[in-house]
Amino acid sequence: MNNFTRQHIEKEIKHAAQVIREGGVILYPTDTIWGIGCDPRNDKAIKKILRIKQRTETKSLIILVCETSSIKNFVHNPLPIAFDLMEQWKKPLTIVFPRAKNIFGLVNNEDTIGIRVTKERFSYNLLKELQHPIVSTSANLSGTPSPVSYKSINPFIKENVDYIVDYKHDNFTDMKASTIIKIHDNGSFEVLRP
């Protein structure tokens, strides 16, 4: 596996952030599998992601944040159970919250929002650089398996994003999508994806 210097990673973070600021779409490593991301406030960029994935606008996307405290910016009175689950869960956890606020255009089409807090080095620092969330959706065509490595990402996706982050291309660890849990207004929850 490549040993990336701190300078290289910082350069990649700055470049990826600039592409996002300019309305572009990036292919990047997340805390789970490789993701396709953009500024969640940019409907044009989101439409490009949906075209690349060949996915309909009726399916919601999730956002990635780097601090648990950010959740309150997008959810009215998040229930304490959500924070308990995040603290106890052993693997990356995406939570679908009720009572979303400040919903970004095409990210969601209902009164819920999916949020994951990342601690993975690259995505965490990218979010710090941007100072706002990013869209995080798996780097696969809709209906096909999620890629377990950079090399298994469909060439069509690689050809159509605006920038591919040069980091973790040779990472063959056992990458898996996050668990998804939906929390209901009454404090109960259901596991949508284990």
C-alpha atoms as a PDB file:
ATOM      1  CA  MET A   1       0.000   0.000   0.000  1.00  0.00           C
ATOM      2  CA  ASN A   2       1.212   3.509  -0.806  1.00  0.00           C
ATOM      3  CA  ASN A   3       2.535   5.601   2.052  1.00  0.00           C
ATOM      4  CA  PHE A   4       1.063   9.042   1.555  1.00  0.00           C
ATOM      5  CA  THR A   5       2.840  11.984   3.090  1.00  0.00           C
ATOM      6  CA  ARG A   6       0.956  14.508   5.151  1.00  0.00           C
ATOM      7  CA  GLN A   7       1.735  17.115   2.485  1.00  0.00           C
ATOM      8  CA  HIS A   8       0.234  14.937  -0.242  1.00  0.00           C
ATOM      9  CA  ILE A   9      -2.964  14.373   1.733  1.00  0.00           C
ATOM     10  CA  GLU A  10      -3.265  18.081   2.551  1.00  0.00           C
ATOM     11  CA  LYS A  11      -2.804  18.938  -1.137  1.00  0.00           C
ATOM     12  CA  GLU A  12      -5.507  16.448  -2.122  1.00  0.00           C
ATOM     13  CA  ILE A  13      -7.869  17.854   0.517  1.00  0.00           C
ATOM     14  CA  LYS A  14      -7.397  21.402  -0.740  1.00  0.00           C
ATOM     15  CA  HIS A  15      -7.816  20.381  -4.365  1.00  0.00           C
ATOM     16  CA  ALA A  16     -10.962  18.312  -3.668  1.00  0.00           C
ATOM     17  CA  ALA A  17     -12.420  21.182  -1.628  1.00  0.00           C
ATOM     18  CA  GLN A  18     -11.786  23.613  -4.484  1.00  0.00           C
ATOM     19  CA  VAL A  19     -13.517  21.312  -6.976  1.00  0.00           C
ATOM     20  CA  ILE A  20     -16.541  21.109  -4.653  1.00  0.00           C
ATOM     21  CA  ARG A  21     -16.598  24.884  -4.155  1.00  0.00           C
ATOM     22  CA  GLU A  22     -16.625  25.316  -7.933  1.00  0.00           C
ATOM     23  CA  GLY A  23     -19.662  23.048  -8.232  1.00  0.00           C
ATOM     24  CA  GLY A  24     -17.825  19.872  -9.170  1.00  0.00           C
ATOM     25  CA  VAL A  25     -18.310  16.232  -8.229  1.00  0.00           C
ATOM     26  CA  ILE A  26     -15.523  14.213  -6.629  1.00  0.00           C
ATOM     27  CA  LEU A  27     -14.772  10.521  -6.198  1.00  0.00           C
ATOM     28  CA  TYR A  28     -13.285  10.142  -2.733  1.00  0.00           C
ATOM     29  CA  PRO A  29     -12.544   7.699   0.098  1.00  0.00           C
ATOM     30  CA  THR A  30     -14.943   7.916   3.026  1.00  0.00           C
ATOM     31  CA  ASP A  31     -15.110   6.209   6.415  1.00  0.00           C
ATOM     32  CA  THR A  32     -16.827   3.269   4.671  1.00  0.00           C
ATOM     33  CA  ILE A  33     -16.556   2.603   0.928  1.00  0.00           C
ATOM     34  CA  TRP A  34     -15.571   4.968  -1.884  1.00  0.00           C
ATOM     35  CA  GLY A  35     -18.086   7.745  -2.345  1.00  0.00           C
ATOM     36  CA  ILE A  36     -19.229  10.305  -4.869  1.00  0.00           C
ATOM     37  CA  GLY A  37     -19.648  13.738  -3.313  1.00  0.00           C
ATOM     38  CA  CYS A  38     -20.485  17.360  -3.929  1.00  0.00           C
ATOM     39  CA  ASP A  39     -21.818  20.441  -2.175  1.00  0.00           C
ATOM     40  CA  PRO A  40     -25.315  19.492  -0.929  1.00  0.00           C
ATOM     41  CA  ARG A  41     -26.472  23.058  -1.619  1.00  0.00           C
ATOM     42  CA  ASN A  42     -25.692  22.743  -5.334  1.00  0.00           C
ATOM     43  CA  ASP A  43     -28.618  21.167  -7.206  1.00  0.00           C
ATOM     44  CA  LYS A  44     -26.684  21.112 -10.494  1.00  0.00           C
ATOM     45  CA  ALA A  45     -23.891  19.059  -8.895  1.00  0.00           C
ATOM     46  CA  ILE A  46     -26.427  16.728  -7.259  1.00  0.00           C
ATOM     47  CA  LYS A  47     -28.156  16.200 -10.607  1.00  0.00           C
ATOM     48  CA  LYS A  48     -24.764  15.287 -12.065  1.00  0.00           C
ATOM     49  CA  ILE A  49     -24.252  12.686  -9.303  1.00  0.00           C
ATOM     50  CA  LEU A  50     -27.681  11.210 -10.025  1.00  0.00           C
ATOM     51  CA  ARG A  51     -26.873  11.049 -13.752  1.00  0.00           C
ATOM     52  CA  ILE A  52     -23.520   9.381 -13.057  1.00  0.00           C
ATOM     53  CA  LYS A  53     -25.165   6.819 -10.767  1.00  0.00           C
ATOM     54  CA  GLN A  54     -28.168   6.467 -13.106  1.00  0.00           C
ATOM     55  CA  ARG A  55     -30.381   7.038 -10.104  1.00  0.00           C
ATOM     56  CA  THR A  56     -33.766   8.744  -9.831  1.00  0.00           C
ATOM     57  CA  GLU A  57     -34.325  12.018  -7.972  1.00  0.00           C
ATOM     58  CA  THR A  58     -36.906  10.326  -5.728  1.00  0.00           C
ATOM     59  CA  LYS A  59     -34.183   8.507  -3.760  1.00  0.00           C
ATOM     60  CA  SER A  60     -32.715  10.604  -0.965  1.00  0.00           C
ATOM     61  CA  LEU A  61     -28.990  11.159  -0.488  1.00  0.00           C
ATOM     62  CA  ILE A  62     -27.152  11.423   2.804  1.00  0.00           C
ATOM     63  CA  ILE A  63     -24.783  14.080   4.040  1.00  0.00           C
ATOM     64  CA  LEU A  64     -21.480  13.565   5.794  1.00  0.00           C
ATOM     65  CA  VAL A  65     -20.471  15.784   8.717  1.00  0.00           C
ATOM     66  CA  CYS A  66     -17.340  15.739  10.878  1.00  0.00           C
ATOM     67  CA  GLU A  67     -18.815  16.753  14.243  1.00  0.00           C
ATOM     68  CA  THR A  68     -21.769  15.344  16.152  1.00  0.00           C
ATOM     69  CA  SER A  69     -22.653  18.909  17.143  1.00  0.00           C
ATOM     70  CA  SER A  70     -23.372  19.698  13.453  1.00  0.00           C
ATOM     71  CA  ILE A  71     -26.463  17.495  13.525  1.00  0.00           C
ATOM     72  CA  LYS A  72     -28.497  20.168  15.290  1.00  0.00           C
ATOM     73  CA  ASN A  73     -28.016  22.399  12.237  1.00  0.00           C
ATOM     74  CA  PHE A  74     -30.082  19.991  10.131  1.00  0.00           C
ATOM     75  CA  VAL A  75     -32.504  18.376  12.594  1.00  0.00           C
ATOM     76  CA  HIS A  76     -35.127  19.998  14.824  1.00  0.00           C
ATOM     77  CA  ASN A  77     -34.513  18.733  18.368  1.00  0.00           C
ATOM     78  CA  PRO A  78     -32.597  15.525  17.555  1.00  0.00           C
ATOM     79  CA  LEU A  79     -33.622  12.783  19.963  1.00  0.00           C
ATOM     80  CA  PRO A  80     -31.032  11.647  22.563  1.00  0.00           C
ATOM     81  CA  ILE A  81     -31.330   8.038  21.325  1.00  0.00           C
ATOM     82  CA  ALA A  82     -29.469   9.084  18.161  1.00  0.00           C
ATOM     83  CA  PHE A  83     -26.401  10.194  20.084  1.00  0.00           C
ATOM     84  CA  ASP A  84     -26.544   7.069  22.271  1.00  0.00           C
ATOM     85  CA  LEU A  85     -26.568   4.896  19.144  1.00  0.00           C
ATOM     86  CA  MET A  86     -23.649   6.784  17.587  1.00  0.00           C
ATOM     87  CA  GLU A  87     -21.618   6.362  20.750  1.00  0.00           C
ATOM     88  CA  GLN A  88     -22.357   2.642  21.095  1.00  0.00           C
ATOM     89  CA  TRP A  89     -22.274   1.501  17.460  1.00  0.00           C
ATOM     90  CA  LYS A  90     -19.089  -0.332  16.501  1.00  0.00           C
ATOM     91  CA  LYS A  91     -19.070   0.492  12.776  1.00  0.00           C
ATOM     92  CA  PRO A  92     -19.896   3.625  10.755  1.00  0.00           C
ATOM     93  CA  LEU A  93     -23.520   4.556  11.300  1.00  0.00           C
ATOM     94  CA  THR A  94     -25.863   6.600   9.133  1.00  0.00           C
ATOM     95  CA  ILE A  95     -28.939   7.856  10.957  1.00  0.00           C
ATOM     96  CA  VAL A  96     -32.112   8.958   9.204  1.00  0.00           C
ATOM     97  CA  PHE A  97     -33.567  11.690  11.396  1.00  0.00           C
ATOM     98  CA  PRO A  98     -37.162  12.948  11.457  1.00  0.00           C
ATOM     99  CA  ARG A  99     -37.959  16.677  11.457  1.00  0.00           C
ATOM    100  CA  ALA A 100     -35.196  17.827   9.122  1.00  0.00           C
ATOM    101  CA  LYS A 101     -34.453  21.518   8.798  1.00  0.00           C
ATOM    102  CA  ASN A 102     -32.297  23.522   6.415  1.00  0.00           C
ATOM    103  CA  ILE A 103     -32.816  20.696   3.919  1.00  0.00           C
ATOM    104  CA  PHE A 104     -30.757  21.108   0.795  1.00  0.00           C
ATOM    105  CA  GLY A 105     -32.710  21.110  -2.495  1.00  0.00           C
ATOM    106  CA  LEU A 106     -32.343  17.700  -4.095  1.00  0.00           C
ATOM    107  CA  VAL A 107     -30.649  15.944  -1.175  1.00  0.00           C
ATOM    108  CA  ASN A 108     -34.005  15.003   0.255  1.00  0.00           C
ATOM    109  CA  ASN A 109     -37.592  14.787  -0.868  1.00  0.00           C
ATOM    110  CA  GLU A 110     -39.305  14.333   2.471  1.00  0.00           C
ATOM    111  CA  ASP A 111     -39.132  15.559   6.066  1.00  0.00           C
ATOM    112  CA  THR A 112     -36.185  13.335   7.005  1.00  0.00           C
ATOM    113  CA  ILE A 113     -32.445  13.588   6.503  1.00  0.00           C
ATOM    114  CA  GLY A 114     -29.720  10.956   6.564  1.00  0.00           C
ATOM    115  CA  ILE A 115     -26.531  12.009   8.347  1.00  0.00           C
ATOM    116  CA  ARG A 116     -23.273  10.211   9.126  1.00  0.00           C
ATOM    117  CA  VAL A 117     -20.477  11.569  11.294  1.00  0.00           C
ATOM    118  CA  THR A 118     -17.076  10.614   9.889  1.00  0.00           C
ATOM    119  CA  LYS A 119     -13.805  10.285  11.772  1.00  0.00           C
ATOM    120  CA  GLU A 120     -11.854   8.859   8.819  1.00  0.00           C
ATOM    121  CA  ARG A 121      -8.762  10.950   8.140  1.00  0.00           C
ATOM    122  CA  PHE A 122      -9.424  12.192   4.615  1.00  0.00           C
ATOM    123  CA  SER A 123     -13.170  12.830   4.729  1.00  0.00           C
ATOM    124  CA  TYR A 124     -12.929  14.390   8.200  1.00  0.00           C
ATOM    125  CA  ASN A 125     -10.266  16.872   7.105  1.00  0.00           C
ATOM    126  CA  LEU A 126     -12.056  17.610   3.841  1.00  0.00           C
ATOM    127  CA  LEU A 127     -15.137  18.609   5.831  1.00  0.00           C
ATOM    128  CA  LYS A 128     -13.003  20.743   8.132  1.00  0.00           C
ATOM    129  CA  GLU A 129     -11.550  22.492   5.084  1.00  0.00           C
ATOM    130  CA  LEU A 130     -14.981  23.110   3.554  1.00  0.00           C
ATOM    131  CA  GLN A 131     -16.741  24.074   6.795  1.00  0.00           C
ATOM    132  CA  HIS A 132     -19.963  22.487   5.561  1.00  0.00           C
ATOM    133  CA  PRO A 133     -21.319  18.965   4.899  1.00  0.00           C
ATOM    134  CA  ILE A 134     -20.868  17.046   1.689  1.00  0.00           C
ATOM    135  CA  VAL A 135     -23.096  14.591  -0.116  1.00  0.00           C
ATOM    136  CA  SER A 136     -21.950  11.022   0.395  1.00  0.00           C
ATOM    137  CA  THR A 137     -23.310   8.324  -1.882  1.00  0.00           C
ATOM    138  CA  SER A 138     -21.655   5.043  -2.797  1.00  0.00           C
ATOM    139  CA  ALA A 139     -19.547   5.028  -5.966  1.00  0.00           C
ATOM    140  CA  ASN A 140     -21.651   2.527  -7.874  1.00  0.00           C
ATOM    141  CA  LEU A 141     -24.281   2.563 -10.577  1.00  0.00           C
ATOM    142  CA  SER A 142     -27.767   2.355  -9.094  1.00  0.00           C
ATOM    143  CA  GLY A 143     -28.786  -1.247  -8.470  1.00  0.00           C
ATOM    144  CA  THR A 144     -25.255  -2.658  -8.694  1.00  0.00           C
ATOM    145  CA  PRO A 145     -23.089  -3.798  -5.752  1.00  0.00           C
ATOM    146  CA  SER A 146     -21.111  -1.166  -3.870  1.00  0.00           C
ATOM    147  CA  PRO A 147     -17.405  -1.288  -4.778  1.00  0.00           C
ATOM    148  CA  VAL A 148     -15.171  -2.819  -2.117  1.00  0.00           C
ATOM    149  CA  SER A 149     -12.060  -1.094  -3.489  1.00  0.00           C
ATOM    150  CA  TYR A 150     -11.062   1.747  -5.792  1.00  0.00           C
ATOM    151  CA  LYS A 151     -10.143  -0.747  -8.527  1.00  0.00           C
ATOM    152  CA  SER A 152     -13.663  -2.222  -8.489  1.00  0.00           C
ATOM    153  CA  ILE A 153     -15.364   1.125  -9.213  1.00  0.00           C
ATOM    154  CA  ASN A 154     -17.118   1.136 -12.581  1.00  0.00           C
ATOM    155  CA  PRO A 155     -15.000   2.969 -15.216  1.00  0.00           C
ATOM    156  CA  PHE A 156     -18.060   5.009 -16.245  1.00  0.00           C
ATOM    157  CA  ILE A 157     -18.076   6.627 -12.808  1.00  0.00           C
ATOM    158  CA  LYS A 158     -14.355   7.386 -12.918  1.00  0.00           C
ATOM    159  CA  GLU A 159     -14.716   8.963 -16.350  1.00  0.00           C
ATOM    160  CA  ASN A 160     -17.620  11.224 -15.399  1.00  0.00           C
ATOM    161  CA  VAL A 161     -16.668  12.756 -12.059  1.00  0.00           C
ATOM    162  CA  ASP A 162     -14.747  16.038 -12.054  1.00  0.00           C
ATOM    163  CA  TYR A 163     -11.962  14.864  -9.765  1.00  0.00           C
ATOM    164  CA  ILE A 164     -10.665  11.579  -8.357  1.00  0.00           C
ATOM    165  CA  VAL A 165      -8.884  11.930  -5.033  1.00  0.00           C
ATOM    166  CA  ASP A 166      -5.392  10.432  -5.175  1.00  0.00           C
ATOM    167  CA  TYR A 167      -5.487   8.535  -1.903  1.00  0.00           C
ATOM    168  CA  LYS A 168      -6.183   4.919  -0.879  1.00  0.00           C
ATOM    169  CA  HIS A 169      -6.334   3.588  -4.452  1.00  0.00           C
ATOM    170  CA  ASP A 170      -4.483   0.460  -3.333  1.00  0.00           C
ATOM    171  CA  ASN A 171      -6.440  -0.050  -0.132  1.00  0.00           C
ATOM    172  CA  PHE A 172      -7.844  -3.576  -0.091  1.00  0.00           C
ATOM    173  CA  THR A 173      -9.154  -3.661   3.462  1.00  0.00           C
ATOM    174  CA  ASP A 174     -12.606  -5.109   4.023  1.00  0.00           C
ATOM    175  CA  MET A 175     -14.596  -1.969   3.212  1.00  0.00           C
ATOM    176  CA  LYS A 176     -18.334  -2.065   3.874  1.00  0.00           C
ATOM    177  CA  ALA A 177     -21.226   0.346   3.619  1.00  0.00           C
ATOM    178  CA  SER A 178     -22.482   1.895   6.850  1.00  0.00           C
ATOM    179  CA  THR A 179     -25.341   0.608   8.937  1.00  0.00           C
ATOM    180  CA  ILE A 180     -28.472   2.708   8.367  1.00  0.00           C
ATOM    181  CA  ILE A 181     -30.887   3.303  11.224  1.00  0.00           C
ATOM    182  CA  LYS A 182     -34.109   5.296  11.001  1.00  0.00           C
ATOM    183  CA  ILE A 183     -35.267   7.074  14.134  1.00  0.00           C
ATOM    184  CA  HIS A 184     -38.970   7.786  14.640  1.00  0.00           C
ATOM    185  CA  ASP A 185     -40.578  10.715  16.431  1.00  0.00           C
ATOM    186  CA  ASN A 186     -41.576   8.493  19.365  1.00  0.00           C
ATOM    187  CA  GLY A 187     -37.912   7.564  20.043  1.00  0.00           C
ATOM    188  CA  SER A 188     -38.124   4.084  18.526  1.00  0.00           C
ATOM    189  CA  PHE A 189     -35.800   3.082  15.706  1.00  0.00           C
ATOM    190  CA  GLU A 190     -35.462   0.504  12.987  1.00  0.00           C
ATOM    191  CA  VAL A 191     -32.411  -0.858  11.197  1.00  0.00           C
ATOM    192  CA  LEU A 192     -32.828  -0.237   7.472  1.00  0.00           C
ATOM    193  CA  ARG A 193     -29.452  -1.753   6.571  1.00  0.00           C
ATOM    194  CA  PRO A 194     -27.438  -3.853   9.042  1.00  0.00           C
END
